[in-house]
Each structure stands twice: as C-alpha cells, then as structure tokens.
Amino acid sequence: MPASDSRKDAVFVALRRAVIEQMVMPGAQLAPDVIGEEFGVGEERVHAALLELVDEGLAEVRLADLRIHVASPALGDARQLFEMRRCLEADVVRRLIRRLSADHLDAIEAHLRRQERARLFGDGQAIRVSGEFHILLAELCSAPVMVRYMRETVSRCSFILSLFARPWSAELSLREHRGIYDALRAQDATLCMARMEHHIDQVEQRAALDTQRSYPDFAAILRRYVEDFTR
C-alpha cells in the first residue's frame, strides 16, 4: 500500500473510532483544517478519509453549507439495518464454517481477548470493538464485497447503538460472541446460525432513546486518537 494511502487510512480509522465511540456530537462539522493540523496530513488525505466516512454512513454532506458533518441517524433506521444485517451474518456463517482453519480460530480468539479488555474503557469503545468481531468474521471469508457490505452495515449499527443504546452489558455481548465462537469451533453450522440470530436479536433490543450526552472540544477529541496514528 502506498504511504499516502496508509496515512489516509489511519486518519479514517481514527475518525471512525471517534464517531462510533460517540466522542463527536451528531451533526457536528468535521473540520478538515482541524483534522489536518492535528494529524499532520494534507487536505487531500483528509478529504479522502472524510469521503470514506460518508460511504460508511457515519458522516453526511449538508446541502446547506456543502460541508461534511457527523451523521444524525434516526432510531427508526435501525430496523431496516438489522434486517439487512441478519441476512449478511447468516451468509458469513455459512461461508466461514466451510473454510474454517486453525488460524481463523486463533484470530477470532485473539479478538475476543481484545473485546474483553475493551470493557474497561466504557460503552463507546466496547460497542465499537464488539462490532468489529462481526467484521472480522466477514474478513476471514476472503470475500471482499461481503466485507464491504458488512463493514458498512456494522458501522451504522454500532453508531446507532452508541447514540441510542440503553445501558447494556459488555459482558453479555462477549458471552454471546464466545457462544458463536464455540459453535464455529465445533463446526456446527445450525447451532452457529441460531446463536448468531439470537445475538443480533439481542443487540437490536438494546437500542433505546438516550440523548443526554455532552461532548468535548473537537480538536481535543482528535488528540486522543493521534497517538495511535503516529505509532
């Protein structure tokens, strides 16, 4: 990957985390000059990263000012998203269980350990890392189109959960993921699909309106993510 692409991707990943972890207020402008200054990258790379956020549904271009803002999804959007996600998740399970290897299981187990650590850092990060479990399963299928759709759908679901979820148990989500992992390891497709469907049902039911949020300064937020970018 060219260095410029790598730097653009790093900015995108950092912004994606900040949005899904709900560190930036829905509707807030994602100011390119502030992003470029904090990350030390040029306007072109910032613009490319912002367009990726738009593609994933995490940001939107406002016609009023033609600037990019954090998206403001409605809770009603969740039903359609979760219906689509159920279809994708079922296909992922079918594909993955046919080609499952020891390396795949090791990668999933490593992510579960990461998810366990994420519980210590609050609901925003726990929700994001929990969503990335599902993206990982899609990536292990080696089907790029599926990965793209899964990434977009999970990102939007995670964003909605971060915005509207009632207090929820990261431990419960981790336990459900471990159940899916155990069914994969046993190569029991029927059990795995049943556990996945139950898990998605539970995730959807955790959504509830909660708008009592406060947000720090945008530049201060970005500084929390620059450390990962510059490592």
C-alpha atoms as a PDB file:
ATOM      1  CA  MET A   1       0.000   0.000   0.000  1.00  0.00           C
ATOM      2  CA  PRO A   2       1.447   3.438  -0.924  1.00  0.00           C
ATOM      3  CA  ALA A   3       2.435   5.588   2.045  1.00  0.00           C
ATOM      4  CA  SER A   4      -0.218   8.179   1.162  1.00  0.00           C
ATOM      5  CA  ASP A   5      -2.951   5.528   1.245  1.00  0.00           C
ATOM      6  CA  SER A   6      -1.668   4.235   4.564  1.00  0.00           C
ATOM      7  CA  ARG A   7      -1.769   7.700   6.134  1.00  0.00           C
ATOM      8  CA  LYS A   8      -5.246   8.379   4.738  1.00  0.00           C
ATOM      9  CA  ASP A   9      -6.477   5.049   6.080  1.00  0.00           C
ATOM     10  CA  ALA A  10      -5.019   5.807   9.510  1.00  0.00           C
ATOM     11  CA  VAL A  11      -6.906   9.117   9.628  1.00  0.00           C
ATOM     12  CA  PHE A  12     -10.093   7.361   8.540  1.00  0.00           C
ATOM     13  CA  VAL A  13      -9.717   4.670  11.218  1.00  0.00           C
ATOM     14  CA  ALA A  14      -9.155   7.308  13.906  1.00  0.00           C
ATOM     15  CA  LEU A  15     -12.161   9.374  12.790  1.00  0.00           C
ATOM     16  CA  ARG A  16     -14.314   6.255  12.538  1.00  0.00           C
ATOM     17  CA  ARG A  17     -13.425   5.345  16.119  1.00  0.00           C
ATOM     18  CA  ALA A  18     -14.176   8.862  17.358  1.00  0.00           C
ATOM     19  CA  VAL A  19     -17.604   8.853  15.668  1.00  0.00           C
ATOM     20  CA  ILE A  20     -18.669   5.335  16.703  1.00  0.00           C
ATOM     21  CA  GLU A  21     -17.414   5.870  20.247  1.00  0.00           C
ATOM     22  CA  GLN A  22     -19.627   8.971  20.295  1.00  0.00           C
ATOM     23  CA  MET A  23     -16.864  11.396  21.150  1.00  0.00           C
ATOM     24  CA  VAL A  24     -18.142  13.755  18.445  1.00  0.00           C
ATOM     25  CA  MET A  25     -21.662  15.165  18.535  1.00  0.00           C
ATOM     26  CA  PRO A  26     -24.062  14.044  15.757  1.00  0.00           C
ATOM     27  CA  GLY A  27     -24.407  16.911  13.305  1.00  0.00           C
ATOM     28  CA  ALA A  28     -21.032  18.411  14.241  1.00  0.00           C
ATOM     29  CA  GLN A  29     -18.886  19.608  11.371  1.00  0.00           C
ATOM     30  CA  LEU A  30     -15.775  17.514  10.723  1.00  0.00           C
ATOM     31  CA  ALA A  31     -13.486  20.457  10.059  1.00  0.00           C
ATOM     32  CA  PRO A  32     -10.772  19.433   7.547  1.00  0.00           C
ATOM     33  CA  ASP A  33      -8.335  22.109   8.715  1.00  0.00           C
ATOM     34  CA  VAL A  34      -8.527  20.935  12.335  1.00  0.00           C
ATOM     35  CA  ILE A  35      -8.136  17.287  11.291  1.00  0.00           C
ATOM     36  CA  GLY A  36      -5.181  18.062   9.047  1.00  0.00           C
ATOM     37  CA  GLU A  37      -3.460  20.119  11.724  1.00  0.00           C
ATOM     38  CA  GLU A  38      -3.910  17.512  14.461  1.00  0.00           C
ATOM     39  CA  PHE A  39      -2.777  14.580  12.300  1.00  0.00           C
ATOM     40  CA  GLY A  40      -0.162  16.461  10.324  1.00  0.00           C
ATOM     41  CA  VAL A  41      -1.566  15.444   6.925  1.00  0.00           C
ATOM     42  CA  GLY A  42      -2.572  17.357   3.830  1.00  0.00           C
ATOM     43  CA  GLU A  43      -6.008  18.404   2.646  1.00  0.00           C
ATOM     44  CA  GLU A  44      -6.229  15.654   0.005  1.00  0.00           C
ATOM     45  CA  ARG A  45      -5.726  12.850   2.515  1.00  0.00           C
ATOM     46  CA  VAL A  46      -8.183  14.384   4.968  1.00  0.00           C
ATOM     47  CA  HIS A  47     -10.783  14.741   2.227  1.00  0.00           C
ATOM     48  CA  ALA A  48     -10.338  11.104   1.153  1.00  0.00           C
ATOM     49  CA  ALA A  49     -10.786   9.923   4.763  1.00  0.00           C
ATOM     50  CA  LEU A  50     -13.919  12.037   5.177  1.00  0.00           C
ATOM     51  CA  LEU A  51     -15.436  10.616   1.993  1.00  0.00           C
ATOM     52  CA  GLU A  52     -14.902   7.102   3.385  1.00  0.00           C
ATOM     53  CA  LEU A  53     -16.849   8.137   6.480  1.00  0.00           C
ATOM     54  CA  VAL A  54     -19.654   9.315   4.192  1.00  0.00           C
ATOM     55  CA  ASP A  55     -19.575   5.989   2.330  1.00  0.00           C
ATOM     56  CA  GLU A  56     -19.999   4.111   5.627  1.00  0.00           C
ATOM     57  CA  GLY A  57     -22.930   6.290   6.637  1.00  0.00           C
ATOM     58  CA  LEU A  58     -21.080   7.813   9.583  1.00  0.00           C
ATOM     59  CA  ALA A  59     -20.939  11.281   8.028  1.00  0.00           C
ATOM     60  CA  GLU A  60     -23.001  13.242   5.531  1.00  0.00           C
ATOM     61  CA  VAL A  61     -22.618  16.247   3.256  1.00  0.00           C
ATOM     62  CA  ARG A  62     -25.032  19.003   4.304  1.00  0.00           C
ATOM     63  CA  LEU A  63     -26.543  20.823   1.351  1.00  0.00           C
ATOM     64  CA  ALA A  64     -26.900  23.979   3.439  1.00  0.00           C
ATOM     65  CA  ASP A  65     -23.142  24.533   3.635  1.00  0.00           C
ATOM     66  CA  LEU A  66     -21.690  21.725   1.441  1.00  0.00           C
ATOM     67  CA  ARG A  67     -19.555  20.649   4.388  1.00  0.00           C
ATOM     68  CA  ILE A  68     -19.162  17.207   5.925  1.00  0.00           C
ATOM     69  CA  HIS A  69     -20.862  16.628   9.273  1.00  0.00           C
ATOM     70  CA  VAL A  70     -21.225  13.655  11.588  1.00  0.00           C
ATOM     71  CA  ALA A  71     -24.378  11.830  10.533  1.00  0.00           C
ATOM     72  CA  SER A  72     -27.578  12.160  12.571  1.00  0.00           C
ATOM     73  CA  PRO A  73     -29.340   8.825  12.056  1.00  0.00           C
ATOM     74  CA  ALA A  74     -32.858   8.213  13.308  1.00  0.00           C
ATOM     75  CA  LEU A  75     -33.650   5.387  15.685  1.00  0.00           C
ATOM     76  CA  GLY A  76     -36.161   4.181  13.087  1.00  0.00           C
ATOM     77  CA  ASP A  77     -33.268   3.450  10.712  1.00  0.00           C
ATOM     78  CA  ALA A  78     -32.225   0.577  12.969  1.00  0.00           C
ATOM     79  CA  ARG A  79     -34.970  -1.851  11.952  1.00  0.00           C
ATOM     80  CA  GLN A  80     -34.025  -1.833   8.259  1.00  0.00           C
ATOM     81  CA  LEU A  81     -30.318  -2.029   9.088  1.00  0.00           C
ATOM     82  CA  PHE A  82     -30.758  -5.016  11.363  1.00  0.00           C
ATOM     83  CA  GLU A  83     -32.917  -6.828   8.804  1.00  0.00           C
ATOM     84  CA  MET A  84     -30.116  -6.430   6.270  1.00  0.00           C
ATOM     85  CA  ARG A  85     -27.541  -7.424   8.846  1.00  0.00           C
ATOM     86  CA  ARG A  86     -29.303 -10.707   9.666  1.00  0.00           C
ATOM     87  CA  CYS A  87     -29.054 -11.763   6.019  1.00  0.00           C
ATOM     88  CA  LEU A  88     -25.371 -10.827   5.848  1.00  0.00           C
ATOM     89  CA  GLU A  89     -24.495 -12.533   9.130  1.00  0.00           C
ATOM     90  CA  ALA A  90     -26.170 -15.785   8.044  1.00  0.00           C
ATOM     91  CA  ASP A  91     -24.199 -15.798   4.791  1.00  0.00           C
ATOM     92  CA  VAL A  92     -20.957 -15.093   6.668  1.00  0.00           C
ATOM     93  CA  VAL A  93     -21.543 -18.079   8.968  1.00  0.00           C
ATOM     94  CA  ARG A  94     -22.306 -20.387   6.036  1.00  0.00           C
ATOM     95  CA  ARG A  95     -19.191 -19.331   4.138  1.00  0.00           C
ATOM     96  CA  LEU A  96     -16.834 -19.252   7.099  1.00  0.00           C
ATOM     97  CA  ILE A  97     -17.704 -22.629   8.542  1.00  0.00           C
ATOM     98  CA  ARG A  98     -16.901 -24.288   5.181  1.00  0.00           C
ATOM     99  CA  ARG A  99     -13.360 -22.897   5.122  1.00  0.00           C
ATOM    100  CA  LEU A 100     -12.594 -22.581   8.824  1.00  0.00           C
ATOM    101  CA  SER A 101      -8.961 -23.188   9.798  1.00  0.00           C
ATOM    102  CA  ALA A 102      -6.912 -23.190  12.985  1.00  0.00           C
ATOM    103  CA  ASP A 103      -5.553 -19.758  12.016  1.00  0.00           C
ATOM    104  CA  HIS A 104      -9.103 -18.432  11.703  1.00  0.00           C
ATOM    105  CA  LEU A 105      -9.969 -19.705  15.170  1.00  0.00           C
ATOM    106  CA  ASP A 106      -6.807 -18.148  16.584  1.00  0.00           C
ATOM    107  CA  ALA A 107      -7.728 -14.777  15.039  1.00  0.00           C
ATOM    108  CA  ILE A 108     -11.243 -14.937  16.489  1.00  0.00           C
ATOM    109  CA  GLU A 109      -9.963 -15.908  19.923  1.00  0.00           C
ATOM    110  CA  ALA A 110      -7.473 -13.027  19.856  1.00  0.00           C
ATOM    111  CA  HIS A 111     -10.287 -10.618  19.076  1.00  0.00           C
ATOM    112  CA  LEU A 112     -12.365 -11.980  21.959  1.00  0.00           C
ATOM    113  CA  ARG A 113      -9.466 -11.188  24.293  1.00  0.00           C
ATOM    114  CA  ARG A 114      -9.357  -7.685  22.831  1.00  0.00           C
ATOM    115  CA  GLN A 115     -13.088  -7.337  23.369  1.00  0.00           C
ATOM    116  CA  GLU A 116     -12.662  -8.385  26.985  1.00  0.00           C
ATOM    117  CA  ARG A 117     -10.075  -5.631  27.515  1.00  0.00           C
ATOM    118  CA  ALA A 118     -12.325  -3.056  25.803  1.00  0.00           C
ATOM    119  CA  ARG A 119     -14.908  -3.449  28.562  1.00  0.00           C
ATOM    120  CA  LEU A 120     -12.647  -1.376  30.781  1.00  0.00           C
ATOM    121  CA  PHE A 121     -12.875   1.722  28.573  1.00  0.00           C
ATOM    122  CA  GLY A 122     -16.600   2.463  28.516  1.00  0.00           C
ATOM    123  CA  ASP A 123     -19.604   1.613  26.378  1.00  0.00           C
ATOM    124  CA  GLY A 124     -18.464   3.532  23.270  1.00  0.00           C
ATOM    125  CA  GLN A 125     -15.269   1.567  22.800  1.00  0.00           C
ATOM    126  CA  ALA A 126     -16.909  -1.695  23.879  1.00  0.00           C
ATOM    127  CA  ILE A 127     -19.647  -1.253  21.272  1.00  0.00           C
ATOM    128  CA  ARG A 128     -17.106  -0.484  18.528  1.00  0.00           C
ATOM    129  CA  VAL A 129     -14.876  -3.472  19.325  1.00  0.00           C
ATOM    130  CA  SER A 130     -17.922  -5.717  19.643  1.00  0.00           C
ATOM    131  CA  GLY A 131     -18.999  -4.674  16.146  1.00  0.00           C
ATOM    132  CA  GLU A 132     -15.527  -5.371  14.801  1.00  0.00           C
ATOM    133  CA  PHE A 133     -15.950  -9.025  15.850  1.00  0.00           C
ATOM    134  CA  HIS A 134     -18.530  -9.368  13.076  1.00  0.00           C
ATOM    135  CA  ILE A 135     -16.356  -7.549  10.544  1.00  0.00           C
ATOM    136  CA  LEU A 136     -13.520  -9.963  11.364  1.00  0.00           C
ATOM    137  CA  LEU A 137     -15.734 -12.985  10.638  1.00  0.00           C
ATOM    138  CA  ALA A 138     -16.537 -11.494   7.223  1.00  0.00           C
ATOM    139  CA  GLU A 139     -12.850 -10.791   6.531  1.00  0.00           C
ATOM    140  CA  LEU A 140     -11.989 -14.416   7.286  1.00  0.00           C
ATOM    141  CA  CYS A 141     -14.345 -15.470   4.458  1.00  0.00           C
ATOM    142  CA  SER A 142     -11.993 -13.762   1.948  1.00  0.00           C
ATOM    143  CA  ALA A 143     -14.935 -12.230   0.096  1.00  0.00           C
ATOM    144  CA  PRO A 144     -14.136  -8.517  -0.452  1.00  0.00           C
ATOM    145  CA  VAL A 145     -17.652  -7.475  -1.496  1.00  0.00           C
ATOM    146  CA  MET A 146     -19.136  -9.152   1.576  1.00  0.00           C
ATOM    147  CA  VAL A 147     -16.564  -7.439   3.791  1.00  0.00           C
ATOM    148  CA  ARG A 148     -17.505  -4.055   2.355  1.00  0.00           C
ATOM    149  CA  TYR A 149     -21.225  -4.533   2.955  1.00  0.00           C
ATOM    150  CA  MET A 150     -20.656  -5.998   6.401  1.00  0.00           C
ATOM    151  CA  ARG A 151     -18.321  -3.173   7.405  1.00  0.00           C
ATOM    152  CA  GLU A 152     -20.812  -0.521   6.315  1.00  0.00           C
ATOM    153  CA  THR A 153     -23.770  -2.242   7.964  1.00  0.00           C
ATOM    154  CA  VAL A 154     -21.980  -2.988  11.236  1.00  0.00           C
ATOM    155  CA  SER A 155     -20.538   0.541  11.383  1.00  0.00           C
ATOM    156  CA  ARG A 156     -24.007   2.045  11.030  1.00  0.00           C
ATOM    157  CA  CYS A 157     -25.479  -0.353  13.585  1.00  0.00           C
ATOM    158  CA  SER A 158     -22.668   0.411  16.033  1.00  0.00           C
ATOM    159  CA  PHE A 159     -23.199   4.139  15.501  1.00  0.00           C
ATOM    160  CA  ILE A 160     -26.918   3.838  16.213  1.00  0.00           C
ATOM    161  CA  LEU A 161     -26.210   1.748  19.305  1.00  0.00           C
ATOM    162  CA  SER A 162     -23.715   4.333  20.542  1.00  0.00           C
ATOM    163  CA  LEU A 163     -26.330   7.040  20.056  1.00  0.00           C
ATOM    164  CA  PHE A 164     -29.419   5.314  21.367  1.00  0.00           C
ATOM    165  CA  ALA A 165     -28.475   2.195  23.342  1.00  0.00           C
ATOM    166  CA  ARG A 166     -29.767   1.818  26.859  1.00  0.00           C
ATOM    167  CA  PRO A 167     -27.118   0.857  29.428  1.00  0.00           C
ATOM    168  CA  TRP A 168     -26.000  -2.584  28.342  1.00  0.00           C
ATOM    169  CA  SER A 169     -23.675  -5.313  29.467  1.00  0.00           C
ATOM    170  CA  ALA A 170     -20.412  -5.665  27.561  1.00  0.00           C
ATOM    171  CA  GLU A 171     -20.069  -8.969  29.401  1.00  0.00           C
ATOM    172  CA  LEU A 172     -23.314 -10.202  27.825  1.00  0.00           C
ATOM    173  CA  SER A 173     -22.121  -9.292  24.327  1.00  0.00           C
ATOM    174  CA  LEU A 174     -18.810 -11.037  24.951  1.00  0.00           C
ATOM    175  CA  ARG A 175     -20.597 -14.142  26.241  1.00  0.00           C
ATOM    176  CA  GLU A 176     -22.757 -14.250  23.106  1.00  0.00           C
ATOM    177  CA  HIS A 177     -19.683 -13.920  20.900  1.00  0.00           C
ATOM    178  CA  ARG A 178     -17.957 -16.728  22.770  1.00  0.00           C
ATOM    179  CA  GLY A 179     -21.020 -18.893  22.134  1.00  0.00           C
ATOM    180  CA  ILE A 180     -20.733 -18.186  18.404  1.00  0.00           C
ATOM    181  CA  TYR A 181     -17.020 -18.975  18.531  1.00  0.00           C
ATOM    182  CA  ASP A 182     -17.667 -22.279  20.307  1.00  0.00           C
ATOM    183  CA  ALA A 183     -20.220 -23.272  17.648  1.00  0.00           C
ATOM    184  CA  LEU A 184     -17.749 -22.372  14.892  1.00  0.00           C
ATOM    185  CA  ARG A 185     -15.021 -24.400  16.567  1.00  0.00           C
ATOM    186  CA  ALA A 186     -17.409 -27.355  16.759  1.00  0.00           C
ATOM    187  CA  GLN A 187     -18.204 -26.802  13.040  1.00  0.00           C
ATOM    188  CA  ASP A 188     -21.910 -26.889  13.908  1.00  0.00           C
ATOM    189  CA  ALA A 189     -23.439 -24.600  11.274  1.00  0.00           C
ATOM    190  CA  THR A 190     -27.007 -24.946  12.572  1.00  0.00           C
ATOM    191  CA  LEU A 191     -26.051 -24.038  16.130  1.00  0.00           C
ATOM    192  CA  CYS A 192     -23.792 -21.209  14.969  1.00  0.00           C
ATOM    193  CA  MET A 193     -26.514 -19.623  12.835  1.00  0.00           C
ATOM    194  CA  ALA A 194     -29.042 -19.963  15.662  1.00  0.00           C
ATOM    195  CA  ARG A 195     -26.666 -18.295  18.119  1.00  0.00           C
ATOM    196  CA  MET A 196     -25.843 -15.541  15.631  1.00  0.00           C
ATOM    197  CA  GLU A 197     -29.534 -14.799  15.007  1.00  0.00           C
ATOM    198  CA  HIS A 198     -30.220 -14.738  18.755  1.00  0.00           C
ATOM    199  CA  HIS A 199     -27.260 -12.409  19.280  1.00  0.00           C
ATOM    200  CA  ILE A 200     -28.409  -9.956  16.610  1.00  0.00           C
ATOM    201  CA  ASP A 201     -31.924 -10.004  18.094  1.00  0.00           C
ATOM    202  CA  GLN A 202     -30.446  -9.145  21.495  1.00  0.00           C
ATOM    203  CA  VAL A 203     -28.279  -6.368  20.063  1.00  0.00           C
ATOM    204  CA  GLU A 204     -31.271  -4.783  18.335  1.00  0.00           C
ATOM    205  CA  GLN A 205     -33.311  -4.911  21.533  1.00  0.00           C
ATOM    206  CA  ARG A 206     -30.638  -2.968  23.390  1.00  0.00           C
ATOM    207  CA  ALA A 207     -31.477   0.209  21.444  1.00  0.00           C
ATOM    208  CA  ALA A 208     -33.379   2.872  23.381  1.00  0.00           C
ATOM    209  CA  LEU A 209     -33.503   6.633  23.047  1.00  0.00           C
ATOM    210  CA  ASP A 210     -30.905   8.423  25.180  1.00  0.00           C
ATOM    211  CA  THR A 211     -29.925  11.919  24.081  1.00  0.00           C
ATOM    212  CA  GLN A 212     -28.417  13.202  27.325  1.00  0.00           C
ATOM    213  CA  ARG A 213     -24.840  13.475  26.113  1.00  0.00           C
ATOM    214  CA  SER A 214     -22.116  16.113  26.409  1.00  0.00           C
ATOM    215  CA  TYR A 215     -19.146  16.458  24.086  1.00  0.00           C
ATOM    216  CA  PRO A 216     -15.662  17.999  24.489  1.00  0.00           C
ATOM    217  CA  ASP A 217     -13.880  20.251  22.009  1.00  0.00           C
ATOM    218  CA  PHE A 218     -13.330  18.650  18.553  1.00  0.00           C
ATOM    219  CA  ALA A 219      -9.563  19.267  18.481  1.00  0.00           C
ATOM    220  CA  ALA A 220      -9.213  17.839  21.991  1.00  0.00           C
ATOM    221  CA  ILE A 221     -11.087  14.735  20.875  1.00  0.00           C
ATOM    222  CA  LEU A 222      -8.764  14.219  17.907  1.00  0.00           C
ATOM    223  CA  ARG A 223      -5.694  14.360  20.131  1.00  0.00           C
ATOM    224  CA  ARG A 224      -6.904  11.196  21.861  1.00  0.00           C
ATOM    225  CA  TYR A 225      -6.586   9.333  18.558  1.00  0.00           C
ATOM    226  CA  VAL A 226      -3.403  10.900  17.157  1.00  0.00           C
ATOM    227  CA  GLU A 227      -1.259   8.671  19.381  1.00  0.00           C
ATOM    228  CA  ASP A 228      -2.451   5.537  17.554  1.00  0.00           C
ATOM    229  CA  PHE A 229      -1.903   7.271  14.212  1.00  0.00           C
ATOM    230  CA  THR A 230       1.689   8.267  14.956  1.00  0.00           C
ATOM    231  CA  ARG A 231       2.912   4.948  16.399  1.00  0.00           C
END
